PDB file of all heavy atoms in Angstrom:
ATOM      1  N   LEU A   1       0.837  -1.189   0.003  1.00  0.00           N
ATOM      2  CA  LEU A   1       0.045   0.006   0.072  1.00  0.00           C
ATOM      3  C   LEU A   1       0.825   1.229   0.000  1.00  0.00           C
ATOM      4  O   LEU A   1       1.923   1.377   0.695  1.00  0.00           O
ATOM      5  CB  LEU A   1      -0.843   0.093   1.277  1.00  0.00           C
ATOM      6  CG  LEU A   1      -2.214  -0.702   1.184  1.00  0.00           C
ATOM      7  CD1 LEU A   1      -2.919  -0.699   2.574  1.00  0.00           C
ATOM      8  CD2 LEU A   1      -3.137  -0.023   0.188  1.00  0.00           C
ATOM      9  N   PRO A   2       0.455   2.293  -0.699  1.00  0.00           N
ATOM     10  CA  PRO A   2       1.279   3.554  -0.703  1.00  0.00           C
ATOM     11  C   PRO A   2       1.353   4.022   0.734  1.00  0.00           C
ATOM     12  O   PRO A   2       0.285   4.017   1.449  1.00  0.00           O
ATOM     13  CB  PRO A   2       0.476   4.505  -1.518  1.00  0.00           C
ATOM     14  CG  PRO A   2      -0.285   3.626  -2.543  1.00  0.00           C
ATOM     15  CD  PRO A   2      -0.626   2.379  -1.738  1.00  0.00           C
ATOM     16  N   ARG A   3       2.447   4.425   1.187  1.00  0.00           N
ATOM     17  CA  ARG A   3       2.747   5.054   2.512  1.00  0.00           C
ATOM     18  C   ARG A   3       2.724   3.971   3.663  1.00  0.00           C
ATOM     19  O   ARG A   3       2.846   4.363   4.799  1.00  0.00           O
ATOM     20  CB  ARG A   3       1.901   6.187   2.815  1.00  0.00           C
ATOM     21  CG  ARG A   3       2.069   7.357   1.800  1.00  0.00           C
ATOM     22  CD  ARG A   3       1.230   8.661   2.241  1.00  0.00           C
ATOM     23  NE  ARG A   3       1.668   9.710   1.356  1.00  0.00           N
ATOM     24  CZ  ARG A   3       0.960  10.008   0.261  1.00  0.00           C
ATOM     25  NH1 ARG A   3      -0.076   9.197  -0.175  1.00  0.00           N
ATOM     26  NH2 ARG A   3       1.348  11.039  -0.558  1.00  0.00           N
ATOM     27  N   HIS A   4       2.576   2.724   3.260  1.00  0.00           N
ATOM     28  CA  HIS A   4       2.578   1.772   4.408  1.00  0.00           C
ATOM     29  C   HIS A   4       4.049   1.687   5.008  1.00  0.00           C
ATOM     30  O   HIS A   4       3.993   1.643   6.250  1.00  0.00           O
ATOM     31  CB  HIS A   4       2.291   0.347   3.708  1.00  0.00           C
ATOM     32  CG  HIS A   4       2.253  -0.713   4.758  1.00  0.00           C
ATOM     33  ND1 HIS A   4       3.351  -1.406   5.325  1.00  0.00           N
ATOM     34  CD2 HIS A   4       1.152  -1.462   5.205  1.00  0.00           C
ATOM     35  CE1 HIS A   4       2.951  -2.359   6.179  1.00  0.00           C
ATOM     36  NE2 HIS A   4       1.628  -2.443   6.091  1.00  0.00           N
ATOM     37  N   ALA A   5       5.027   1.787   4.248  1.00  0.00           N
ATOM     38  CA  ALA A   5       6.365   1.726   4.838  1.00  0.00           C
ATOM     39  C   ALA A   5       6.588   2.931   5.819  1.00  0.00           C
ATOM     40  O   ALA A   5       7.263   2.816   6.737  1.00  0.00           O
ATOM     41  CB  ALA A   5       7.470   1.678   3.760  1.00  0.00           C
ATOM     42  N   ALA A   6       6.044   4.110   5.276  1.00  0.00           N
ATOM     43  CA  ALA A   6       6.230   5.343   6.168  1.00  0.00           C
ATOM     44  C   ALA A   6       5.449   5.254   7.480  1.00  0.00           C
ATOM     45  O   ALA A   6       6.003   5.595   8.551  1.00  0.00           O
ATOM     46  CB  ALA A   6       5.773   6.634   5.366  1.00  0.00           C
ATOM     47  N   VAL A   7       4.359   4.689   7.377  1.00  0.00           N
ATOM     48  CA  VAL A   7       3.500   4.467   8.631  1.00  0.00           C
ATOM     49  C   VAL A   7       4.278   3.510   9.620  1.00  0.00           C
ATOM     50  O   VAL A   7       4.435   3.654  10.825  1.00  0.00           O
ATOM     51  CB  VAL A   7       2.063   3.948   8.329  1.00  0.00           C
ATOM     52  CG1 VAL A   7       1.327   3.514   9.613  1.00  0.00           C
ATOM     53  CG2 VAL A   7       1.340   5.062   7.647  1.00  0.00           C
ATOM     54  N   ALA A   8       4.792   2.368   9.029  1.00  0.00           N
ATOM     55  CA  ALA A   8       5.452   1.352   9.796  1.00  0.00           C
ATOM     56  C   ALA A   8       6.754   1.986  10.404  1.00  0.00           C
ATOM     57  O   ALA A   8       7.012   1.750  11.568  1.00  0.00           O
ATOM     58  CB  ALA A   8       5.774   0.201   8.999  1.00  0.00           C
ATOM     59  N   ALA A   9       7.421   2.791   9.579  1.00  0.00           N
ATOM     60  CA  ALA A   9       8.627   3.481  10.130  1.00  0.00           C
ATOM     61  C   ALA A   9       8.330   4.328  11.275  1.00  0.00           C
ATOM     62  O   ALA A   9       8.959   4.409  12.288  1.00  0.00           O
ATOM     63  CB  ALA A   9       9.220   4.295   8.992  1.00  0.00           C
ATOM     64  N   TYR A  10       7.274   5.154  11.164  1.00  0.00           N
ATOM     65  CA  TYR A  10       6.874   6.050  12.375  1.00  0.00           C
ATOM     66  C   TYR A  10       6.514   5.253  13.578  1.00  0.00           C
ATOM     67  O   TYR A  10       7.043   5.674  14.653  1.00  0.00           O
ATOM     68  CB  TYR A  10       5.626   6.897  11.868  1.00  0.00           C
ATOM     69  CG  TYR A  10       5.099   7.756  13.016  1.00  0.00           C
ATOM     70  CD1 TYR A  10       5.820   8.867  13.406  1.00  0.00           C
ATOM     71  CD2 TYR A  10       3.880   7.363  13.560  1.00  0.00           C
ATOM     72  CE1 TYR A  10       5.152   9.767  14.412  1.00  0.00           C
ATOM     73  CE2 TYR A  10       3.346   8.180  14.608  1.00  0.00           C
ATOM     74  CZ  TYR A  10       4.033   9.324  15.031  1.00  0.00           C
ATOM     75  OH  TYR A  10       3.548  10.110  16.006  1.00  0.00           O
ATOM     76  N   LEU A  11       5.812   4.206  13.500  1.00  0.00           N
ATOM     77  CA  LEU A  11       5.405   3.403  14.572  1.00  0.00           C
ATOM     78  C   LEU A  11       6.594   2.679  15.180  1.00  0.00           C
ATOM     79  O   LEU A  11       6.678   2.586  16.433  1.00  0.00           O
ATOM     80  CB  LEU A  11       4.270   2.434  14.187  1.00  0.00           C
ATOM     81  CG  LEU A  11       2.975   3.126  13.888  1.00  0.00           C
ATOM     82  CD1 LEU A  11       2.001   2.022  13.239  1.00  0.00           C
ATOM     83  CD2 LEU A  11       2.309   3.787  15.098  1.00  0.00           C
ATOM     84  N   HIS A  12       7.481   2.163  14.440  1.00  0.00           N
ATOM     85  CA  HIS A  12       8.671   1.510  14.906  1.00  0.00           C
ATOM     86  C   HIS A  12       9.577   2.533  15.594  1.00  0.00           C
ATOM     87  O   HIS A  12      10.112   2.229  16.660  1.00  0.00           O
ATOM     88  CB  HIS A  12       9.465   0.858  13.805  1.00  0.00           C
ATOM     89  CG  HIS A  12       8.935  -0.543  13.432  1.00  0.00           C
ATOM     90  ND1 HIS A  12       9.101  -1.662  14.354  1.00  0.00           N
ATOM     91  CD2 HIS A  12       8.287  -1.034  12.321  1.00  0.00           C
ATOM     92  CE1 HIS A  12       8.593  -2.707  13.786  1.00  0.00           C
ATOM     93  NE2 HIS A  12       8.065  -2.320  12.534  1.00  0.00           N
ATOM     94  N   GLU A  13       9.683   3.724  15.079  1.00  0.00           N
ATOM     95  CA  GLU A  13      10.447   4.762  15.747  1.00  0.00           C
ATOM     96  C   GLU A  13       9.874   5.021  17.171  1.00  0.00           C
ATOM     97  O   GLU A  13      10.629   5.123  18.201  1.00  0.00           O
ATOM     98  CB  GLU A  13      10.534   6.079  14.987  1.00  0.00           C
ATOM     99  CG  GLU A  13      11.349   7.130  15.667  1.00  0.00           C
ATOM    100  CD  GLU A  13      11.335   8.438  14.881  1.00  0.00           C
ATOM    101  OE1 GLU A  13      10.812   8.593  13.736  1.00  0.00           O
ATOM    102  OE2 GLU A  13      12.002   9.428  15.365  1.00  0.00           O
ATOM    103  N   ARG A  14       8.567   5.289  17.168  1.00  0.00           N
ATOM    104  CA  ARG A  14       7.928   5.607  18.515  1.00  0.00           C
ATOM    105  C   ARG A  14       8.164   4.415  19.433  1.00  0.00           C
ATOM    106  O   ARG A  14       8.121   4.494  20.705  1.00  0.00           O
ATOM    107  CB  ARG A  14       6.506   5.811  18.250  1.00  0.00           C
ATOM    108  CG  ARG A  14       6.173   7.165  17.556  1.00  0.00           C
ATOM    109  CD  ARG A  14       4.770   7.595  17.837  1.00  0.00           C
ATOM    110  NE  ARG A  14       4.484   7.643  19.331  1.00  0.00           N
ATOM    111  CZ  ARG A  14       3.299   7.327  19.921  1.00  0.00           C
ATOM    112  NH1 ARG A  14       2.267   6.792  19.156  1.00  0.00           N
ATOM    113  NH2 ARG A  14       3.091   7.416  21.247  1.00  0.00           N
ATOM    114  N   ASP A  15       8.261   3.240  18.928  1.00  0.00           N
ATOM    115  CA  ASP A  15       8.471   1.949  19.815  1.00  0.00           C
ATOM    116  C   ASP A  15       9.889   1.725  20.150  1.00  0.00           C
ATOM    117  O   ASP A  15      10.276   0.913  20.875  1.00  0.00           O
ATOM    118  CB  ASP A  15       7.933   0.721  18.956  1.00  0.00           C
ATOM    119  CG  ASP A  15       7.794  -0.545  20.053  1.00  0.00           C
ATOM    120  OD1 ASP A  15       7.369  -0.234  21.101  1.00  0.00           O
ATOM    121  OD2 ASP A  15       8.081  -1.569  19.524  1.00  0.00           O
ATOM    122  N   GLY A  16      10.842   2.684  19.676  1.00  0.00           N
ATOM    123  CA  GLY A  16      12.234   2.599  20.084  1.00  0.00           C
ATOM    124  C   GLY A  16      13.171   1.777  19.137  1.00  0.00           C
ATOM    125  O   GLY A  16      14.232   1.673  19.348  1.00  0.00           O
ATOM    126  N   ASP A  17      12.555   1.165  18.008  1.00  0.00           N
ATOM    127  CA  ASP A  17      13.431   0.444  17.219  1.00  0.00           C
ATOM    128  C   ASP A  17      13.876   1.215  15.974  1.00  0.00           C
ATOM    129  O   ASP A  17      13.320   1.266  14.891  1.00  0.00           O
ATOM    130  CB  ASP A  17      12.395  -0.810  16.599  1.00  0.00           C
ATOM    131  CG  ASP A  17      13.319  -1.671  15.722  1.00  0.00           C
ATOM    132  OD1 ASP A  17      14.418  -1.467  15.341  1.00  0.00           O
ATOM    133  OD2 ASP A  17      12.710  -2.809  15.350  1.00  0.00           O
ATOM    134  N   LEU A  18      14.926   1.932  16.299  1.00  0.00           N
ATOM    135  CA  LEU A  18      15.491   2.988  15.408  1.00  0.00           C
ATOM    136  C   LEU A  18      15.990   2.338  14.017  1.00  0.00           C
ATOM    137  O   LEU A  18      15.887   2.920  13.038  1.00  0.00           O
ATOM    138  CB  LEU A  18      16.521   3.864  16.039  1.00  0.00           C
ATOM    139  CG  LEU A  18      16.035   4.611  17.293  1.00  0.00           C
ATOM    140  CD1 LEU A  18      17.097   5.629  17.771  1.00  0.00           C
ATOM    141  CD2 LEU A  18      14.707   5.371  17.105  1.00  0.00           C
ATOM    142  N   ALA A  19      16.704   1.187  14.178  1.00  0.00           N
ATOM    143  CA  ALA A  19      17.246   0.554  13.012  1.00  0.00           C
ATOM    144  C   ALA A  19      16.223   0.233  12.020  1.00  0.00           C
ATOM    145  O   ALA A  19      16.241   0.525  10.852  1.00  0.00           O
ATOM    146  CB  ALA A  19      18.125  -0.675  13.477  1.00  0.00           C
ATOM    147  N   THR A  20      15.094  -0.405  12.491  1.00  0.00           N
ATOM    148  CA  THR A  20      13.993  -0.811  11.562  1.00  0.00           C
ATOM    149  C   THR A  20      13.334   0.384  11.093  1.00  0.00           C
ATOM    150  O   THR A  20      13.023   0.529   9.838  1.00  0.00           O
ATOM    151  CB  THR A  20      12.989  -1.698  12.297  1.00  0.00           C
ATOM    152  OG1 THR A  20      13.658  -2.885  12.758  1.00  0.00           O
ATOM    153  CG2 THR A  20      11.900  -2.059  11.417  1.00  0.00           C
ATOM    154  N   ALA A  21      13.098   1.470  11.832  1.00  0.00           N
ATOM    155  CA  ALA A  21      12.506   2.616  11.419  1.00  0.00           C
ATOM    156  C   ALA A  21      13.383   3.353  10.330  1.00  0.00           C
ATOM    157  O   ALA A  21      12.800   3.790   9.340  1.00  0.00           O
ATOM    158  CB  ALA A  21      12.305   3.560  12.542  1.00  0.00           C
ATOM    159  N   ALA A  22      14.618   3.389  10.476  1.00  0.00           N
ATOM    160  CA  ALA A  22      15.519   4.122   9.464  1.00  0.00           C
ATOM    161  C   ALA A  22      15.380   3.375   8.150  1.00  0.00           C
ATOM    162  O   ALA A  22      15.276   3.971   7.079  1.00  0.00           O
ATOM    163  CB  ALA A  22      16.900   4.216  10.044  1.00  0.00           C
ATOM    164  N   ARG A  23      15.457   1.980   8.249  1.00  0.00           N
ATOM    165  CA  ARG A  23      15.411   1.226   6.954  1.00  0.00           C
ATOM    166  C   ARG A  23      14.028   1.421   6.272  1.00  0.00           C
ATOM    167  O   ARG A  23      13.951   1.754   5.105  1.00  0.00           O
ATOM    168  CB  ARG A  23      15.499  -0.253   7.399  1.00  0.00           C
ATOM    169  CG  ARG A  23      15.356  -1.223   6.189  1.00  0.00           C
ATOM    170  CD  ARG A  23      15.585  -2.567   6.504  1.00  0.00           C
ATOM    171  NE  ARG A  23      14.595  -3.064   7.564  1.00  0.00           N
ATOM    172  CZ  ARG A  23      13.387  -3.471   7.347  1.00  0.00           C
ATOM    173  NH1 ARG A  23      12.942  -3.279   6.084  1.00  0.00           N
ATOM    174  NH2 ARG A  23      12.677  -3.865   8.343  1.00  0.00           N
ATOM    175  N   LEU A  24      12.941   1.478   7.094  1.00  0.00           N
ATOM    176  CA  LEU A  24      11.679   1.697   6.437  1.00  0.00           C
ATOM    177  C   LEU A  24      11.433   3.080   5.950  1.00  0.00           C
ATOM    178  O   LEU A  24      10.783   3.354   4.868  1.00  0.00           O
ATOM    179  CB  LEU A  24      10.574   1.361   7.545  1.00  0.00           C
ATOM    180  CG  LEU A  24      10.400  -0.123   7.773  1.00  0.00           C
ATOM    181  CD1 LEU A  24       9.447  -0.338   9.048  1.00  0.00           C
ATOM    182  CD2 LEU A  24       9.796  -0.868   6.561  1.00  0.00           C
ATOM    183  N   TYR A  25      12.029   4.045   6.574  1.00  0.00           N
ATOM    184  CA  TYR A  25      11.968   5.514   6.076  1.00  0.00           C
ATOM    185  C   TYR A  25      12.662   5.544   4.695  1.00  0.00           C
ATOM    186  O   TYR A  25      12.146   6.152   3.781  1.00  0.00           O
ATOM    187  CB  TYR A  25      12.581   6.464   7.041  1.00  0.00           C
ATOM    188  CG  TYR A  25      11.689   6.894   8.166  1.00  0.00           C
ATOM    189  CD1 TYR A  25      12.103   6.944   9.425  1.00  0.00           C
ATOM    190  CD2 TYR A  25      10.365   7.369   7.936  1.00  0.00           C
ATOM    191  CE1 TYR A  25      11.223   7.503  10.506  1.00  0.00           C
ATOM    192  CE2 TYR A  25       9.537   7.853   8.908  1.00  0.00           C
ATOM    193  CZ  TYR A  25       9.891   7.836  10.162  1.00  0.00           C
ATOM    194  OH  TYR A  25       9.135   8.360  11.216  1.00  0.00           O
ATOM    195  N   ALA A  26      13.811   4.889   4.637  1.00  0.00           N
ATOM    196  CA  ALA A  26      14.451   4.905   3.473  1.00  0.00           C
ATOM    197  C   ALA A  26      13.710   4.181   2.245  1.00  0.00           C
ATOM    198  O   ALA A  26      13.684   4.577   1.093  1.00  0.00           O
ATOM    199  CB  ALA A  26      15.980   4.263   3.493  1.00  0.00           C
ATOM    200  N   GLU A  27      13.132   3.106   2.585  1.00  0.00           N
ATOM    201  CA  GLU A  27      12.245   2.318   1.714  1.00  0.00           C
ATOM    202  C   GLU A  27      11.108   3.185   1.198  1.00  0.00           C
ATOM    203  O   GLU A  27      10.770   3.146   0.027  1.00  0.00           O
ATOM    204  CB  GLU A  27      11.780   1.088   2.362  1.00  0.00           C
ATOM    205  CG  GLU A  27      10.864   0.235   1.414  1.00  0.00           C
ATOM    206  CD  GLU A  27      10.367  -1.039   2.289  1.00  0.00           C
ATOM    207  OE1 GLU A  27      11.120  -1.621   2.957  1.00  0.00           O
ATOM    208  OE2 GLU A  27       9.233  -1.409   2.044  1.00  0.00           O
ATOM    209  N   ALA A  28      10.385   3.806   2.195  1.00  0.00           N
ATOM    210  CA  ALA A  28       9.300   4.766   1.851  1.00  0.00           C
ATOM    211  C   ALA A  28       9.784   5.853   0.961  1.00  0.00           C
ATOM    212  O   ALA A  28       8.987   6.246   0.006  1.00  0.00           O
ATOM    213  CB  ALA A  28       8.701   5.232   3.211  1.00  0.00           C
ATOM    214  N   ALA A  29      10.849   6.450   1.197  1.00  0.00           N
ATOM    215  CA  ALA A  29      11.348   7.550   0.302  1.00  0.00           C
ATOM    216  C   ALA A  29      11.564   7.143  -1.102  1.00  0.00           C
ATOM    217  O   ALA A  29      11.125   7.929  -1.989  1.00  0.00           O
ATOM    218  CB  ALA A  29      12.697   8.002   0.727  1.00  0.00           C
ATOM    219  N   GLN A  30      11.875   5.822  -1.420  1.00  0.00           N
ATOM    220  CA  GLN A  30      12.003   5.432  -2.735  1.00  0.00           C
ATOM    221  C   GLN A  30      10.673   5.372  -3.380  1.00  0.00           C
ATOM    222  O   GLN A  30      10.661   5.448  -4.633  1.00  0.00           O
ATOM    223  CB  GLN A  30      12.649   3.964  -2.754  1.00  0.00           C
ATOM    224  CG  GLN A  30      14.189   4.065  -2.308  1.00  0.00           C
ATOM    225  CD  GLN A  30      14.829   2.737  -2.278  1.00  0.00           C
ATOM    226  OE1 GLN A  30      14.124   1.796  -2.440  1.00  0.00           O
ATOM    227  NE2 GLN A  30      16.069   2.645  -2.123  1.00  0.00           N
ATOM    228  N   LYS A  31       9.621   5.138  -2.623  1.00  0.00           N
ATOM    229  CA  LYS A  31       8.230   4.891  -3.218  1.00  0.00           C
ATOM    230  C   LYS A  31       7.420   6.193  -3.104  1.00  0.00           C
ATOM    231  O   LYS A  31       6.273   6.188  -3.528  1.00  0.00           O
ATOM    232  CB  LYS A  31       7.519   3.847  -2.476  1.00  0.00           C
ATOM    233  CG  LYS A  31       8.182   2.496  -2.470  1.00  0.00           C
ATOM    234  CD  LYS A  31       7.500   1.494  -1.667  1.00  0.00           C
ATOM    235  CE  LYS A  31       8.176   0.141  -1.673  1.00  0.00           C
ATOM    236  NZ  LYS A  31       7.439  -0.846  -0.789  1.00  0.00           N
ATOM    237  N   ALA A  32       7.989   7.301  -2.670  1.00  0.00           N
ATOM    238  CA  ALA A  32       7.231   8.469  -2.412  1.00  0.00           C
ATOM    239  C   ALA A  32       6.636   9.056  -3.705  1.00  0.00           C
ATOM    240  O   ALA A  32       7.214   8.957  -4.800  1.00  0.00           O
ATOM    241  CB  ALA A  32       8.117   9.553  -1.787  1.00  0.00           C
TER     242      ALA A  32
END
C-alpha cells in the first residue's frame, strides 16, 4: 500500500526500534 512503509517506520520509531525505522523510512522515500 502507498505510504505503508512510512507508517510502519513512524510506529517503529515511536516503539524505540530505530534501526528498523530508519530502514523503512529509506524504503518509503524510494516509493514517495
